[in-house]
Amino acid sequence: MTRLFAGTPFDIPPTCDRCGELEEACKCPPPAHEYLPAEKQTAKVFTERRKNKRVMTIVKDLNPEETDLPKLLSELKSAIGAGGSLQENQIEIQGDHLARVQEKLKSIGYRVR
């Protein structure tokens, strides 16, 4: 897409705010995403029965834009020693690990209900 004043005396090419170089020549890393602190978020944790009597522990009500859900999922999986996945902005841990998930989330700083 061309700039509005391209080729005129009013043409000012866009520059980087951090280094002052032209945007095409800028080598700055992209800005890091700021996430909401865990202390300001509330997670809903519950168990759910699936087909063949399998139980899943679900962590819900965390905003995906304000929480690093993949990082939180890997922390929970390694702390509990169970598999899990990220489905529809909720964390699913295989098995009935309700108390252990609640303890881990509280130790990280999340409010749990």
PDB file of N, CA and C in Angstrom:
ATOM      1  N   MET A   1       0.845  -1.172   0.000  1.00  0.00           N
ATOM      2  CA  MET A   1       0.000   0.000   0.000  1.00  0.00           C
ATOM      3  C   MET A   1       0.888   1.232   0.000  1.00  0.00           C
ATOM      4  N   THR A   2       0.583   2.196  -0.824  1.00  0.00           N
ATOM      5  CA  THR A   2       1.395   3.405  -0.910  1.00  0.00           C
ATOM      6  C   THR A   2       0.909   4.428   0.103  1.00  0.00           C
ATOM      7  N   ARG A   3       1.815   5.323   0.434  1.00  0.00           N
ATOM      8  CA  ARG A   3       1.477   6.382   1.379  1.00  0.00           C
ATOM      9  C   ARG A   3       0.712   7.485   0.655  1.00  0.00           C
ATOM     10  N   LEU A   4      -0.044   8.261   1.373  1.00  0.00           N
ATOM     11  CA  LEU A   4      -0.900   9.287   0.791  1.00  0.00           C
ATOM     12  C   LEU A   4      -0.096  10.354   0.049  1.00  0.00           C
ATOM     13  N   PHE A   5       1.024  10.796   0.636  1.00  0.00           N
ATOM     14  CA  PHE A   5       1.807  11.876   0.046  1.00  0.00           C
ATOM     15  C   PHE A   5       3.074  11.370  -0.633  1.00  0.00           C
ATOM     16  N   ALA A   6       3.108  10.120  -1.053  1.00  0.00           N
ATOM     17  CA  ALA A   6       4.304   9.558  -1.683  1.00  0.00           C
ATOM     18  C   ALA A   6       4.655  10.341  -2.943  1.00  0.00           C
ATOM     19  N   GLY A   7       5.936  10.764  -3.057  1.00  0.00           N
ATOM     20  CA  GLY A   7       6.407  11.497  -4.227  1.00  0.00           C
ATOM     21  C   GLY A   7       6.180  12.991  -4.156  1.00  0.00           C
ATOM     22  N   THR A   8       5.657  13.496  -3.045  1.00  0.00           N
ATOM     23  CA  THR A   8       5.434  14.934  -2.886  1.00  0.00           C
ATOM     24  C   THR A   8       6.387  15.473  -1.829  1.00  0.00           C
ATOM     25  N   PRO A   9       6.517  16.797  -1.699  1.00  0.00           N
ATOM     26  CA  PRO A   9       7.388  17.352  -0.656  1.00  0.00           C
ATOM     27  C   PRO A   9       6.899  17.031   0.758  1.00  0.00           C
ATOM     28  N   PHE A  10       5.652  16.619   0.912  1.00  0.00           N
ATOM     29  CA  PHE A  10       5.108  16.304   2.231  1.00  0.00           C
ATOM     30  C   PHE A  10       5.321  14.841   2.624  1.00  0.00           C
ATOM     31  N   ASP A  11       6.009  14.088   1.795  1.00  0.00           N
ATOM     32  CA  ASP A  11       6.235  12.662   2.039  1.00  0.00           C
ATOM     33  C   ASP A  11       7.226  12.484   3.183  1.00  0.00           C
ATOM     34  N   ILE A  12       6.775  11.907   4.284  1.00  0.00           N
ATOM     35  CA  ILE A  12       7.630  11.593   5.426  1.00  0.00           C
ATOM     36  C   ILE A  12       7.527  10.087   5.633  1.00  0.00           C
ATOM     37  N   PRO A  13       8.587   9.336   5.303  1.00  0.00           N
ATOM     38  CA  PRO A  13       8.501   7.879   5.462  1.00  0.00           C
ATOM     39  C   PRO A  13       8.412   7.498   6.940  1.00  0.00           C
ATOM     40  N   PRO A  14       7.666   6.447   7.249  1.00  0.00           N
ATOM     41  CA  PRO A  14       7.503   6.038   8.650  1.00  0.00           C
ATOM     42  C   PRO A  14       8.816   5.523   9.233  1.00  0.00           C
ATOM     43  N   THR A  15       9.096   5.931  10.479  1.00  0.00           N
ATOM     44  CA  THR A  15      10.318   5.512  11.167  1.00  0.00           C
ATOM     45  C   THR A  15       9.951   4.777  12.449  1.00  0.00           C
ATOM     46  N   CYS A  16      10.902   3.998  12.928  1.00  0.00           N
ATOM     47  CA  CYS A  16      10.733   3.242  14.174  1.00  0.00           C
ATOM     48  C   CYS A  16      10.818   4.210  15.354  1.00  0.00           C
ATOM     49  N   ASP A  17       9.949   4.044  16.344  1.00  0.00           N
ATOM     50  CA  ASP A  17       9.959   4.908  17.522  1.00  0.00           C
ATOM     51  C   ASP A  17      11.153   4.639  18.425  1.00  0.00           C
ATOM     52  N   ARG A  18      11.670   3.405  18.419  1.00  0.00           N
ATOM     53  CA  ARG A  18      12.766   3.045  19.321  1.00  0.00           C
ATOM     54  C   ARG A  18      14.138   3.386  18.765  1.00  0.00           C
ATOM     55  N   CYS A  19      14.405   3.062  17.494  1.00  0.00           N
ATOM     56  CA  CYS A  19      15.758   3.259  16.960  1.00  0.00           C
ATOM     57  C   CYS A  19      15.856   4.426  15.982  1.00  0.00           C
ATOM     58  N   GLY A  20      14.740   4.914  15.465  1.00  0.00           N
ATOM     59  CA  GLY A  20      14.757   6.040  14.547  1.00  0.00           C
ATOM     60  C   GLY A  20      15.023   5.668  13.098  1.00  0.00           C
ATOM     61  N   GLU A  21      15.253   4.399  12.802  1.00  0.00           N
ATOM     62  CA  GLU A  21      15.486   3.944  11.428  1.00  0.00           C
ATOM     63  C   GLU A  21      14.160   3.878  10.673  1.00  0.00           C
ATOM     64  N   LEU A  22      14.264   3.791   9.352  1.00  0.00           N
ATOM     65  CA  LEU A  22      13.063   3.562   8.558  1.00  0.00           C
ATOM     66  C   LEU A  22      12.464   2.212   8.936  1.00  0.00           C
ATOM     67  N   GLU A  23      11.155   2.088   8.842  1.00  0.00           N
ATOM     68  CA  GLU A  23      10.507   0.839   9.242  1.00  0.00           C
ATOM     69  C   GLU A  23      10.977  -0.349   8.423  1.00  0.00           C
ATOM     70  N   GLU A  24      11.327  -0.139   7.144  1.00  0.00           N
ATOM     71  CA  GLU A  24      11.820  -1.247   6.319  1.00  0.00           C
ATOM     72  C   GLU A  24      13.200  -1.711   6.775  1.00  0.00           C
ATOM     73  N   ALA A  25      14.018  -0.801   7.328  1.00  0.00           N
ATOM     74  CA  ALA A  25      15.387  -1.126   7.724  1.00  0.00           C
ATOM     75  C   ALA A  25      15.518  -1.409   9.216  1.00  0.00           C
ATOM     76  N   CYS A  26      14.451  -1.301   9.967  1.00  0.00           N
ATOM     77  CA  CYS A  26      14.498  -1.466  11.425  1.00  0.00           C
ATOM     78  C   CYS A  26      14.811  -2.917  11.793  1.00  0.00           C
ATOM     79  N   LYS A  27      15.703  -3.109  12.755  1.00  0.00           N
ATOM     80  CA  LYS A  27      16.086  -4.443  13.230  1.00  0.00           C
ATOM     81  C   LYS A  27      15.627  -4.686  14.671  1.00  0.00           C
ATOM     82  N   CYS A  28      14.791  -3.805  15.209  1.00  0.00           N
ATOM     83  CA  CYS A  28      14.318  -3.952  16.586  1.00  0.00           C
ATOM     84  C   CYS A  28      13.413  -5.181  16.707  1.00  0.00           C
ATOM     85  N   PRO A  29      13.497  -5.910  17.831  1.00  0.00           N
ATOM     86  CA  PRO A  29      12.576  -7.037  18.026  1.00  0.00           C
ATOM     87  C   PRO A  29      11.166  -6.504  18.276  1.00  0.00           C
ATOM     88  N   PRO A  30      10.154  -7.286  17.969  1.00  0.00           N
ATOM     89  CA  PRO A  30       8.786  -6.825  18.217  1.00  0.00           C
ATOM     90  C   PRO A  30       8.559  -6.645  19.715  1.00  0.00           C
ATOM     91  N   PRO A  31       7.698  -5.732  20.104  1.00  0.00           N
ATOM     92  CA  PRO A  31       7.462  -5.503  21.532  1.00  0.00           C
ATOM     93  C   PRO A  31       6.832  -6.729  22.189  1.00  0.00           C
ATOM     94  N   ALA A  32       7.221  -6.978  23.433  1.00  0.00           N
ATOM     95  CA  ALA A  32       6.689  -8.115  24.181  1.00  0.00           C
ATOM     96  C   ALA A  32       5.244  -7.830  24.578  1.00  0.00           C
ATOM     97  N   HIS A  33       4.428  -8.875  24.561  1.00  0.00           N
ATOM     98  CA  HIS A  33       3.018  -8.733  24.921  1.00  0.00           C
ATOM     99  C   HIS A  33       2.910  -8.630  26.436  1.00  0.00           C
ATOM    100  N   GLU A  34       2.134  -7.670  26.905  1.00  0.00           N
ATOM    101  CA  GLU A  34       1.914  -7.494  28.336  1.00  0.00           C
ATOM    102  C   GLU A  34       0.678  -8.286  28.751  1.00  0.00           C
ATOM    103  N   TYR A  35       0.858  -9.209  29.691  1.00  0.00           N
ATOM    104  CA  TYR A  35      -0.257 -10.007  30.189  1.00  0.00           C
ATOM    105  C   TYR A  35      -0.707  -9.460  31.533  1.00  0.00           C
ATOM    106  N   LEU A  36      -1.964  -9.672  31.855  1.00  0.00           N
ATOM    107  CA  LEU A  36      -2.533  -9.265  33.127  1.00  0.00           C
ATOM    108  C   LEU A  36      -1.937 -10.139  34.226  1.00  0.00           C
ATOM    109  N   PRO A  37      -1.549  -9.560  35.381  1.00  0.00           N
ATOM    110  CA  PRO A  37      -0.974 -10.384  36.453  1.00  0.00           C
ATOM    111  C   PRO A  37      -1.966 -11.438  36.945  1.00  0.00           C
ATOM    112  N   ALA A  38      -1.426 -12.546  37.416  1.00  0.00           N
ATOM    113  CA  ALA A  38      -2.269 -13.660  37.865  1.00  0.00           C
ATOM    114  C   ALA A  38      -3.142 -13.261  39.050  1.00  0.00           C
ATOM    115  N   GLU A  39      -2.674 -12.338  39.881  1.00  0.00           N
ATOM    116  CA  GLU A  39      -3.424 -11.935  41.070  1.00  0.00           C
ATOM    117  C   GLU A  39      -4.740 -11.241  40.718  1.00  0.00           C
ATOM    118  N   LYS A  40      -4.843 -10.717  39.507  1.00  0.00           N
ATOM    119  CA  LYS A  40      -6.043  -9.989  39.099  1.00  0.00           C
ATOM    120  C   LYS A  40      -7.004 -10.851  38.284  1.00  0.00           C
ATOM    121  N   GLN A  41      -6.756 -12.158  38.205  1.00  0.00           N
ATOM    122  CA  GLN A  41      -7.595 -13.036  37.400  1.00  0.00           C
ATOM    123  C   GLN A  41      -8.196 -14.140  38.253  1.00  0.00           C
ATOM    124  N   THR A  42      -9.391 -14.551  37.886  1.00  0.00           N
ATOM    125  CA  THR A  42     -10.079 -15.635  38.581  1.00  0.00           C
ATOM    126  C   THR A  42     -10.311 -16.775  37.601  1.00  0.00           C
ATOM    127  N   ALA A  43      -9.942 -17.974  38.019  1.00  0.00           N
ATOM    128  CA  ALA A  43     -10.116 -19.160  37.181  1.00  0.00           C
ATOM    129  C   ALA A  43     -11.193 -20.052  37.789  1.00  0.00           C
ATOM    130  N   LYS A  44     -12.026 -20.595  36.941  1.00  0.00           N
ATOM    131  CA  LYS A  44     -13.040 -21.552  37.375  1.00  0.00           C
ATOM    132  C   LYS A  44     -12.510 -22.944  37.055  1.00  0.00           C
ATOM    133  N   VAL A  45     -12.405 -23.803  38.072  1.00  0.00           N
ATOM    134  CA  VAL A  45     -11.861 -25.152  37.906  1.00  0.00           C
ATOM    135  C   VAL A  45     -12.947 -26.157  38.283  1.00  0.00           C
ATOM    136  N   PHE A  46     -13.168 -27.135  37.404  1.00  0.00           N
ATOM    137  CA  PHE A  46     -14.165 -28.166  37.671  1.00  0.00           C
ATOM    138  C   PHE A  46     -13.799 -29.419  36.896  1.00  0.00           C
ATOM    139  N   THR A  47     -14.459 -30.533  37.250  1.00  0.00           N
ATOM    140  CA  THR A  47     -14.245 -31.782  36.519  1.00  0.00           C
ATOM    141  C   THR A  47     -15.467 -32.055  35.653  1.00  0.00           C
ATOM    142  N   GLU A  48     -15.224 -32.793  34.583  1.00  0.00           N
ATOM    143  CA  GLU A  48     -16.285 -33.091  33.627  1.00  0.00           C
ATOM    144  C   GLU A  48     -16.129 -34.530  33.160  1.00  0.00           C
ATOM    145  N   ARG A  49     -17.238 -35.257  33.119  1.00  0.00           N
ATOM    146  CA  ARG A  49     -17.212 -36.635  32.626  1.00  0.00           C
ATOM    147  C   ARG A  49     -17.381 -36.627  31.118  1.00  0.00           C
ATOM    148  N   ARG A  50     -16.546 -37.397  30.445  1.00  0.00           N
ATOM    149  CA  ARG A  50     -16.624 -37.521  28.992  1.00  0.00           C
ATOM    150  C   ARG A  50     -17.090 -38.925  28.657  1.00  0.00           C
ATOM    151  N   LYS A  51     -17.106 -39.249  27.382  1.00  0.00           N
ATOM    152  CA  LYS A  51     -17.551 -40.579  26.981  1.00  0.00           C
ATOM    153  C   LYS A  51     -16.596 -41.633  27.536  1.00  0.00           C
ATOM    154  N   ASN A  52     -17.091 -42.834  27.696  1.00  0.00           N
ATOM    155  CA  ASN A  52     -16.359 -43.974  28.265  1.00  0.00           C
ATOM    156  C   ASN A  52     -15.902 -43.706  29.694  1.00  0.00           C
ATOM    157  N   LYS A  53     -16.648 -42.899  30.431  1.00  0.00           N
ATOM    158  CA  LYS A  53     -16.400 -42.598  31.845  1.00  0.00           C
ATOM    159  C   LYS A  53     -15.042 -41.954  32.092  1.00  0.00           C
ATOM    160  N   ARG A  54     -14.526 -41.240  31.119  1.00  0.00           N
ATOM    161  CA  ARG A  54     -13.256 -40.534  31.302  1.00  0.00           C
ATOM    162  C   ARG A  54     -13.530 -39.190  31.959  1.00  0.00           C
ATOM    163  N   VAL A  55     -12.636 -38.794  32.840  1.00  0.00           N
ATOM    164  CA  VAL A  55     -12.802 -37.545  33.578  1.00  0.00           C
ATOM    165  C   VAL A  55     -11.760 -36.544  33.090  1.00  0.00           C
ATOM    166  N   MET A  56     -12.181 -35.300  32.892  1.00  0.00           N
ATOM    167  CA  MET A  56     -11.287 -34.215  32.501  1.00  0.00           C
ATOM    168  C   MET A  56     -11.397 -33.119  33.547  1.00  0.00           C
ATOM    169  N   THR A  57     -10.279 -32.521  33.894  1.00  0.00           N
ATOM    170  CA  THR A  57     -10.269 -31.352  34.760  1.00  0.00           C
ATOM    171  C   THR A  57     -10.180 -30.131  33.854  1.00  0.00           C
ATOM    172  N   ILE A  58     -11.116 -29.207  34.006  1.00  0.00           N
ATOM    173  CA  ILE A  58     -11.234 -28.051  33.122  1.00  0.00           C
ATOM    174  C   ILE A  58     -10.888 -26.780  33.897  1.00  0.00           C
ATOM    175  N   VAL A  59     -10.053 -25.929  33.294  1.00  0.00           N
ATOM    176  CA  VAL A  59      -9.758 -24.596  33.826  1.00  0.00           C
ATOM    177  C   VAL A  59     -10.351 -23.611  32.831  1.00  0.00           C
ATOM    178  N   LYS A  60     -11.280 -22.788  33.314  1.00  0.00           N
ATOM    179  CA  LYS A  60     -12.071 -21.942  32.429  1.00  0.00           C
ATOM    180  C   LYS A  60     -12.088 -20.505  32.954  1.00  0.00           C
ATOM    181  N   ASP A  61     -12.649 -19.604  32.176  1.00  0.00           N
ATOM    182  CA  ASP A  61     -12.865 -18.191  32.518  1.00  0.00           C
ATOM    183  C   ASP A  61     -11.580 -17.382  32.618  1.00  0.00           C
ATOM    184  N   LEU A  62     -10.537 -17.775  31.890  1.00  0.00           N
ATOM    185  CA  LEU A  62      -9.333 -16.958  31.785  1.00  0.00           C
ATOM    186  C   LEU A  62      -9.336 -16.323  30.401  1.00  0.00           C
ATOM    187  N   ASN A  63      -9.139 -15.023  30.339  1.00  0.00           N
ATOM    188  CA  ASN A  63      -9.160 -14.307  29.067  1.00  0.00           C
ATOM    189  C   ASN A  63      -7.912 -14.654  28.265  1.00  0.00           C
ATOM    190  N   PRO A  64      -8.047 -15.171  27.044  1.00  0.00           N
ATOM    191  CA  PRO A  64      -6.868 -15.582  26.271  1.00  0.00           C
ATOM    192  C   PRO A  64      -5.981 -14.421  25.843  1.00  0.00           C
ATOM    193  N   GLU A  65      -6.522 -13.194  25.753  1.00  0.00           N
ATOM    194  CA  GLU A  65      -5.695 -12.050  25.392  1.00  0.00           C
ATOM    195  C   GLU A  65      -4.872 -11.555  26.572  1.00  0.00           C
ATOM    196  N   GLU A  66      -5.333 -11.831  27.798  1.00  0.00           N
ATOM    197  CA  GLU A  66      -4.660 -11.329  28.993  1.00  0.00           C
ATOM    198  C   GLU A  66      -3.876 -12.404  29.729  1.00  0.00           C
ATOM    199  N   THR A  67      -3.917 -13.646  29.253  1.00  0.00           N
ATOM    200  CA  THR A  67      -3.245 -14.761  29.910  1.00  0.00           C
ATOM    201  C   THR A  67      -2.444 -15.544  28.883  1.00  0.00           C
ATOM    202  N   ASP A  68      -1.262 -15.981  29.265  1.00  0.00           N
ATOM    203  CA  ASP A  68      -0.454 -16.836  28.393  1.00  0.00           C
ATOM    204  C   ASP A  68      -0.902 -18.279  28.630  1.00  0.00           C
ATOM    205  N   LEU A  69      -1.991 -18.674  27.972  1.00  0.00           N
ATOM    206  CA  LEU A  69      -2.586 -19.994  28.197  1.00  0.00           C
ATOM    207  C   LEU A  69      -1.655 -21.153  27.837  1.00  0.00           C
ATOM    208  N   PRO A  70      -0.903 -21.113  26.720  1.00  0.00           N
ATOM    209  CA  PRO A  70       0.004 -22.238  26.449  1.00  0.00           C
ATOM    210  C   PRO A  70       1.070 -22.424  27.533  1.00  0.00           C
ATOM    211  N   LYS A  71       1.591 -21.329  28.071  1.00  0.00           N
ATOM    212  CA  LYS A  71       2.591 -21.430  29.141  1.00  0.00           C
ATOM    213  C   LYS A  71       1.958 -21.997  30.412  1.00  0.00           C
ATOM    214  N   LEU A  72       0.753 -21.519  30.750  1.00  0.00           N
ATOM    215  CA  LEU A  72       0.056 -22.022  31.930  1.00  0.00           C
ATOM    216  C   LEU A  72      -0.270 -23.501  31.773  1.00  0.00           C
ATOM    217  N   LEU A  73      -0.670 -23.917  30.579  1.00  0.00           N
ATOM    218  CA  LEU A  73      -0.953 -25.330  30.318  1.00  0.00           C
ATOM    219  C   LEU A  73       0.284 -26.182  30.552  1.00  0.00           C
ATOM    220  N   SER A  74       1.428 -25.753  30.046  1.00  0.00           N
ATOM    221  CA  SER A  74       2.644 -26.554  30.225  1.00  0.00           C
ATOM    222  C   SER A  74       3.057 -26.600  31.690  1.00  0.00           C
ATOM    223  N   GLU A  75       2.862 -25.510  32.442  1.00  0.00           N
ATOM    224  CA  GLU A  75       3.167 -25.525  33.876  1.00  0.00           C
ATOM    225  C   GLU A  75       2.276 -26.515  34.614  1.00  0.00           C
ATOM    226  N   LEU A  76       0.980 -26.505  34.301  1.00  0.00           N
ATOM    227  CA  LEU A  76       0.055 -27.420  34.973  1.00  0.00           C
ATOM    228  C   LEU A  76       0.350 -28.869  34.614  1.00  0.00           C
ATOM    229  N   LYS A  77       0.613 -29.140  33.339  1.00  0.00           N
ATOM    230  CA  LYS A  77       0.901 -30.512  32.919  1.00  0.00           C
ATOM    231  C   LYS A  77       2.156 -31.049  33.589  1.00  0.00           C
ATOM    232  N   SER A  78       3.196 -30.232  33.695  1.00  0.00           N
ATOM    233  CA  SER A  78       4.433 -30.714  34.311  1.00  0.00           C
ATOM    234  C   SER A  78       4.285 -30.847  35.823  1.00  0.00           C
ATOM    235  N   ALA A  79       3.502 -29.987  36.457  1.00  0.00           N
ATOM    236  CA  ALA A  79       3.316 -30.072  37.906  1.00  0.00           C
ATOM    237  C   ALA A  79       2.462 -31.272  38.292  1.00  0.00           C
ATOM    238  N   ILE A  80       1.489 -31.615  37.465  1.00  0.00           N
ATOM    239  CA  ILE A  80       0.565 -32.697  37.786  1.00  0.00           C
ATOM    240  C   ILE A  80       1.043 -34.027  37.229  1.00  0.00           C
ATOM    241  N   GLY A  81       1.743 -33.987  36.124  1.00  0.00           N
ATOM    242  CA  GLY A  81       2.211 -35.224  35.506  1.00  0.00           C
ATOM    243  C   GLY A  81       1.139 -35.897  34.683  1.00  0.00           C
ATOM    244  N   ALA A  82       0.307 -35.094  34.045  1.00  0.00           N
ATOM    245  CA  ALA A  82      -0.769 -35.635  33.214  1.00  0.00           C
ATOM    246  C   ALA A  82      -0.787 -34.890  31.891  1.00  0.00           C
ATOM    247  N   GLY A  83      -1.445 -35.477  30.913  1.00  0.00           N
ATOM    248  CA  GLY A  83      -1.581 -34.832  29.619  1.00  0.00           C
ATOM    249  C   GLY A  83      -2.690 -33.798  29.646  1.00  0.00           C
ATOM    250  N   GLY A  84      -2.709 -32.983  28.641  1.00  0.00           N
ATOM    251  CA  GLY A  84      -3.751 -31.973  28.565  1.00  0.00           C
ATOM    252  C   GLY A  84      -3.669 -31.223  27.260  1.00  0.00           C
ATOM    253  N   SER A  85      -4.650 -30.369  27.037  1.00  0.00           N
ATOM    254  CA  SER A  85      -4.677 -29.592  25.803  1.00  0.00           C
ATOM    255  C   SER A  85      -5.404 -28.282  26.043  1.00  0.00           C
ATOM    256  N   LEU A  86      -5.326 -27.431  25.029  1.00  0.00           N
ATOM    257  CA  LEU A  86      -5.989 -26.140  25.043  1.00  0.00           C
ATOM    258  C   LEU A  86      -7.116 -26.195  24.024  1.00  0.00           C
ATOM    259  N   GLN A  87      -8.359 -26.167  24.485  1.00  0.00           N
ATOM    260  CA  GLN A  87      -9.523 -26.269  23.605  1.00  0.00           C
ATOM    261  C   GLN A  87     -10.473 -25.109  23.880  1.00  0.00           C
ATOM    262  N   GLU A  88     -10.777 -24.325  22.851  1.00  0.00           N
ATOM    263  CA  GLU A  88     -11.767 -23.250  22.935  1.00  0.00           C
ATOM    264  C   GLU A  88     -11.509 -22.324  24.122  1.00  0.00           C
ATOM    265  N   ASN A  89     -10.271 -21.867  24.267  1.00  0.00           N
ATOM    266  CA  ASN A  89      -9.857 -20.932  25.318  1.00  0.00           C
ATOM    267  C   ASN A  89     -10.058 -21.478  26.727  1.00  0.00           C
ATOM    268  N   GLN A  90      -9.998 -22.781  26.873  1.00  0.00           N
ATOM    269  CA  GLN A  90     -10.012 -23.398  28.192  1.00  0.00           C
ATOM    270  C   GLN A  90      -8.966 -24.497  28.224  1.00  0.00           C
ATOM    271  N   ILE A  91      -8.428 -24.732  29.406  1.00  0.00           N
ATOM    272  CA  ILE A  91      -7.390 -25.743  29.577  1.00  0.00           C
ATOM    273  C   ILE A  91      -8.056 -27.032  30.034  1.00  0.00           C
ATOM    274  N   GLU A  92      -7.718 -28.136  29.368  1.00  0.00           N
ATOM    275  CA  GLU A  92      -8.261 -29.445  29.718  1.00  0.00           C
ATOM    276  C   GLU A  92      -7.112 -30.348  30.134  1.00  0.00           C
ATOM    277  N   ILE A  93      -7.171 -30.866  31.362  1.00  0.00           N
ATOM    278  CA  ILE A  93      -6.172 -31.790  31.890  1.00  0.00           C
ATOM    279  C   ILE A  93      -6.830 -33.155  32.004  1.00  0.00           C
ATOM    280  N   GLN A  94      -6.142 -34.185  31.528  1.00  0.00           N
ATOM    281  CA  GLN A  94      -6.702 -35.534  31.557  1.00  0.00           C
ATOM    282  C   GLN A  94      -6.682 -36.078  32.977  1.00  0.00           C
ATOM    283  N   GLY A  95      -7.826 -36.547  33.441  1.00  0.00           N
ATOM    284  CA  GLY A  95      -7.928 -37.163  34.755  1.00  0.00           C
ATOM    285  C   GLY A  95      -8.588 -36.250  35.770  1.00  0.00           C
ATOM    286  N   ASP A  96      -8.842 -36.817  36.952  1.00  0.00           N
ATOM    287  CA  ASP A  96      -9.482 -36.083  38.045  1.00  0.00           C
ATOM    288  C   ASP A  96      -8.389 -35.488  38.930  1.00  0.00           C
ATOM    289  N   HIS A  97      -7.952 -34.282  38.615  1.00  0.00           N
ATOM    290  CA  HIS A  97      -6.872 -33.617  39.346  1.00  0.00           C
ATOM    291  C   HIS A  97      -7.343 -32.275  39.891  1.00  0.00           C
ATOM    292  N   LEU A  98      -8.581 -32.213  40.335  1.00  0.00           N
ATOM    293  CA  LEU A  98      -9.187 -30.958  40.751  1.00  0.00           C
ATOM    294  C   LEU A  98      -8.390 -30.280  41.865  1.00  0.00           C
ATOM    295  N   ALA A  99      -8.097 -31.000  42.939  1.00  0.00           N
ATOM    296  CA  ALA A  99      -7.401 -30.396  44.079  1.00  0.00           C
ATOM    297  C   ALA A  99      -5.986 -29.963  43.706  1.00  0.00           C
ATOM    298  N   ARG A 100      -5.280 -30.781  42.942  1.00  0.00           N
ATOM    299  CA  ARG A 100      -3.904 -30.447  42.572  1.00  0.00           C
ATOM    300  C   ARG A 100      -3.845 -29.240  41.637  1.00  0.00           C
ATOM    301  N   VAL A 101      -4.796 -29.141  40.709  1.00  0.00           N
ATOM    302  CA  VAL A 101      -4.841 -27.988  39.804  1.00  0.00           C
ATOM    303  C   VAL A 101      -5.159 -26.721  40.595  1.00  0.00           C
ATOM    304  N   GLN A 102      -6.110 -26.811  41.530  1.00  0.00           N
ATOM    305  CA  GLN A 102      -6.442 -25.646  42.346  1.00  0.00           C
ATOM    306  C   GLN A 102      -5.243 -25.196  43.176  1.00  0.00           C
ATOM    307  N   GLU A 103      -4.513 -26.138  43.772  1.00  0.00           N
ATOM    308  CA  GLU A 103      -3.319 -25.790  44.554  1.00  0.00           C
ATOM    309  C   GLU A 103      -2.272 -25.099  43.697  1.00  0.00           C
ATOM    310  N   LYS A 104      -2.022 -25.640  42.516  1.00  0.00           N
ATOM    311  CA  LYS A 104      -1.004 -25.069  41.628  1.00  0.00           C
ATOM    312  C   LYS A 104      -1.399 -23.666  41.180  1.00  0.00           C
ATOM    313  N   LEU A 105      -2.660 -23.476  40.811  1.00  0.00           N
ATOM    314  CA  LEU A 105      -3.111 -22.150  40.389  1.00  0.00           C
ATOM    315  C   LEU A 105      -3.008 -21.141  41.530  1.00  0.00           C
ATOM    316  N   LYS A 106      -3.343 -21.566  42.748  1.00  0.00           N
ATOM    317  CA  LYS A 106      -3.216 -20.669  43.900  1.00  0.00           C
ATOM    318  C   LYS A 106      -1.763 -20.328  44.177  1.00  0.00           C
ATOM    319  N   SER A 107      -0.862 -21.302  44.001  1.00  0.00           N
ATOM    320  CA  SER A 107       0.561 -21.024  44.240  1.00  0.00           C
ATOM    321  C   SER A 107       1.125 -20.068  43.190  1.00  0.00           C
ATOM    322  N   ILE A 108       0.584 -20.111  41.971  1.00  0.00           N
ATOM    323  CA  ILE A 108       1.004 -19.165  40.934  1.00  0.00           C
ATOM    324  C   ILE A 108       0.452 -17.775  41.247  1.00  0.00           C
ATOM    325  N   GLY A 109      -0.721 -17.714  41.884  1.00  0.00           N
ATOM    326  CA  GLY A 109      -1.301 -16.429  42.245  1.00  0.00           C
ATOM    327  C   GLY A 109      -2.713 -16.203  41.753  1.00  0.00           C
ATOM    328  N   TYR A 110      -3.282 -17.153  41.038  1.00  0.00           N
ATOM    329  CA  TYR A 110      -4.639 -16.999  40.526  1.00  0.00           C
ATOM    330  C   TYR A 110      -5.652 -17.167  41.651  1.00  0.00           C
ATOM    331  N   ARG A 111      -6.763 -16.457  41.545  1.00  0.00           N
ATOM    332  CA  ARG A 111      -7.900 -16.708  42.427  1.00  0.00           C
ATOM    333  C   ARG A 111      -8.693 -17.847  41.804  1.00  0.00           C
ATOM    334  N   VAL A 112      -9.134 -18.787  42.629  1.00  0.00           N
ATOM    335  CA  VAL A 112      -9.804 -19.985  42.117  1.00  0.00           C
ATOM    336  C   VAL A 112     -11.191 -20.065  42.722  1.00  0.00           C
ATOM    337  N   ARG A 113     -12.158 -20.396  41.860  1.00  0.00           N
ATOM    338  CA  ARG A 113     -13.510 -20.656  42.365  1.00  0.00           C
ATOM    339  C   ARG A 113     -14.013 -21.944  41.784  1.00  0.00           C
TER     340      ARG A 113
END
